[in-house]
Amino acid sequence: MIYHITSREAWREAQVKGEYTAPSLASEGFIHCSRPEQLAGVIREFYADAASLLLLIIDEKRLSAELRWEAPAHPNSTAEPPSPGDRFPHVYGALNLGAVLKAVDLPKSAGGFALPPDLS
């Protein structure tokens, strides 16, 4: 499984359109995704100020678009540089809804967003 962080509104729009596209698809050519162990760092780095988040759980075998495992693509990040083997999944095209197994609300508390305990 791979994971993508988005908003409830963007996910609702995708269900109307029949596919999900993130702003990064137009600006960078792909949709950013993560492995389970990468999610907490991605949320801290890029979504700490968000009011609410939705986690898309994606079966990469069901993707109709190309999936590439690549180095992080955020040169302005303040996070520690990843190790050379730390690759992220990038989806090069619209995300077909059939690849999304589940959309999970991420609750926010004073300590930040809570990830589901059963991510694998």
Protein backbone atom coordinates (compact mmCIF):
# COMPACT_ATOMS: atom_id res chain seq x y z
CA MET A 1 0.00 0.00 0.00
CA ILE A 2 0.94 3.61 -0.58
CA TYR A 3 -0.70 6.67 0.94
CA HIS A 4 -1.66 10.17 -0.15
CA ILE A 5 -2.68 13.07 2.10
CA THR A 6 -5.42 15.37 0.87
CA SER A 7 -8.48 17.32 1.98
CA ARG A 8 -12.06 16.11 2.28
CA GLU A 9 -13.09 18.69 -0.33
CA ALA A 10 -10.52 17.48 -2.87
CA TRP A 11 -11.64 13.88 -2.33
CA ARG A 12 -15.32 14.85 -2.81
CA GLU A 13 -14.39 16.62 -6.06
CA ALA A 14 -12.54 13.52 -7.23
CA GLN A 15 -15.59 11.37 -6.67
CA VAL A 16 -17.64 13.72 -8.83
CA LYS A 17 -14.95 13.85 -11.58
CA GLY A 18 -14.26 10.12 -11.45
CA GLU A 19 -10.52 10.56 -10.77
CA TYR A 20 -8.27 12.35 -8.30
CA THR A 21 -5.73 14.95 -9.31
CA ALA A 22 -3.56 16.93 -6.92
CA PRO A 23 -2.15 20.39 -7.69
CA SER A 24 1.31 18.79 -7.90
CA LEU A 25 0.21 16.79 -10.95
CA ALA A 26 -0.04 20.04 -12.94
CA SER A 27 2.97 21.75 -11.37
CA GLU A 28 5.40 18.81 -10.98
CA GLY A 29 3.96 16.11 -13.21
CA PHE A 30 3.07 13.64 -10.45
CA ILE A 31 1.05 13.07 -7.27
CA HIS A 32 3.10 12.80 -4.08
CA CYS A 33 2.54 9.65 -2.04
CA SER A 34 4.25 8.03 0.93
CA ARG A 35 5.04 4.72 2.56
CA PRO A 36 3.59 4.23 6.07
CA GLU A 37 6.85 5.08 7.84
CA GLN A 38 7.13 8.36 5.89
CA LEU A 39 3.68 9.73 6.77
CA ALA A 40 4.41 11.30 10.16
CA GLY A 41 7.35 13.28 8.76
CA VAL A 42 5.39 14.42 5.71
CA ILE A 43 2.50 15.60 7.88
CA ARG A 44 4.87 17.47 10.24
CA GLU A 45 6.73 19.10 7.37
CA PHE A 46 3.92 20.05 5.01
CA TYR A 47 0.55 19.82 6.80
CA ALA A 48 1.11 20.96 10.40
CA ASP A 49 -1.12 24.02 9.92
CA ALA A 50 -3.96 22.18 8.15
CA ALA A 51 -7.35 22.20 9.85
CA SER A 52 -8.23 18.69 8.70
CA LEU A 53 -6.71 15.93 6.60
CA LEU A 54 -7.84 12.82 4.79
CA LEU A 55 -5.57 9.86 4.13
CA LEU A 56 -6.09 7.91 0.91
CA ILE A 57 -5.02 4.28 1.18
CA ILE A 58 -3.95 3.18 -2.29
CA ASP A 59 -3.28 -0.26 -3.71
CA GLU A 60 -0.42 0.43 -6.10
CA LYS A 61 -1.25 -2.73 -8.07
CA ARG A 62 -4.56 -1.16 -9.07
CA LEU A 63 -3.08 2.10 -10.37
CA SER A 64 -3.76 2.91 -14.00
CA ALA A 65 -1.03 5.61 -14.01
CA GLU A 66 2.69 4.93 -13.77
CA LEU A 67 4.23 4.64 -10.30
CA ARG A 68 7.87 5.61 -9.76
CA TRP A 69 9.94 5.37 -6.57
CA GLU A 70 12.05 8.54 -6.41
CA ALA A 71 13.97 10.87 -4.13
CA PRO A 72 11.91 13.54 -2.35
CA ALA A 73 10.89 16.40 -4.61
CA HIS A 74 10.75 19.33 -2.18
CA PRO A 75 13.93 21.41 -2.46
CA ASN A 76 12.56 24.10 -0.09
CA SER A 77 11.92 21.64 2.71
CA THR A 78 13.43 22.37 6.11
CA ALA A 79 13.47 18.68 7.02
CA GLU A 80 16.67 16.71 7.41
CA PRO A 81 17.87 15.35 4.07
CA PRO A 82 16.69 11.77 3.56
CA SER A 83 19.08 8.89 3.32
CA PRO A 84 20.01 7.91 -0.24
CA GLY A 85 17.69 4.90 -0.10
CA ASP A 86 14.67 6.86 1.12
CA ARG A 87 12.48 6.86 -1.97
CA PHE A 88 8.92 8.14 -2.19
CA PRO A 89 6.16 6.78 -4.43
CA HIS A 90 5.12 9.27 -7.12
CA VAL A 91 2.05 8.65 -9.31
CA TYR A 92 2.56 10.03 -12.83
CA GLY A 93 -1.03 10.69 -13.83
CA ALA A 94 -4.50 11.00 -12.38
CA LEU A 95 -5.32 8.61 -9.57
CA ASN A 96 -8.07 6.23 -10.64
CA LEU A 97 -10.65 5.84 -7.90
CA GLY A 98 -10.54 2.05 -8.15
CA ALA A 99 -7.01 2.10 -6.72
CA VAL A 100 -8.18 3.87 -3.55
CA LEU A 101 -9.18 1.21 -1.05
CA LYS A 102 -10.22 3.61 1.67
CA ALA A 103 -10.28 7.29 2.63
CA VAL A 104 -9.62 7.83 6.36
CA ASP A 105 -10.12 11.03 8.35
CA LEU A 106 -7.04 11.94 10.36
CA PRO A 107 -8.12 13.39 13.71
CA LYS A 108 -6.25 16.45 14.91
CA SER A 109 -5.48 17.19 18.53
CA ALA A 110 -3.12 19.53 20.35
CA GLY A 111 -0.30 17.09 19.53
CA GLY A 112 -1.00 17.07 15.79
CA PHE A 113 -2.66 14.57 13.49
CA ALA A 114 -3.13 10.98 14.58
CA LEU A 115 -2.37 8.22 12.09
CA PRO A 116 -4.42 5.02 12.07
CA PRO A 117 -2.62 2.38 14.15
CA ASP A 118 -3.02 -0.38 11.56
CA LEU A 119 -1.00 1.09 8.67
CA SER A 120 1.22 -1.46 6.97
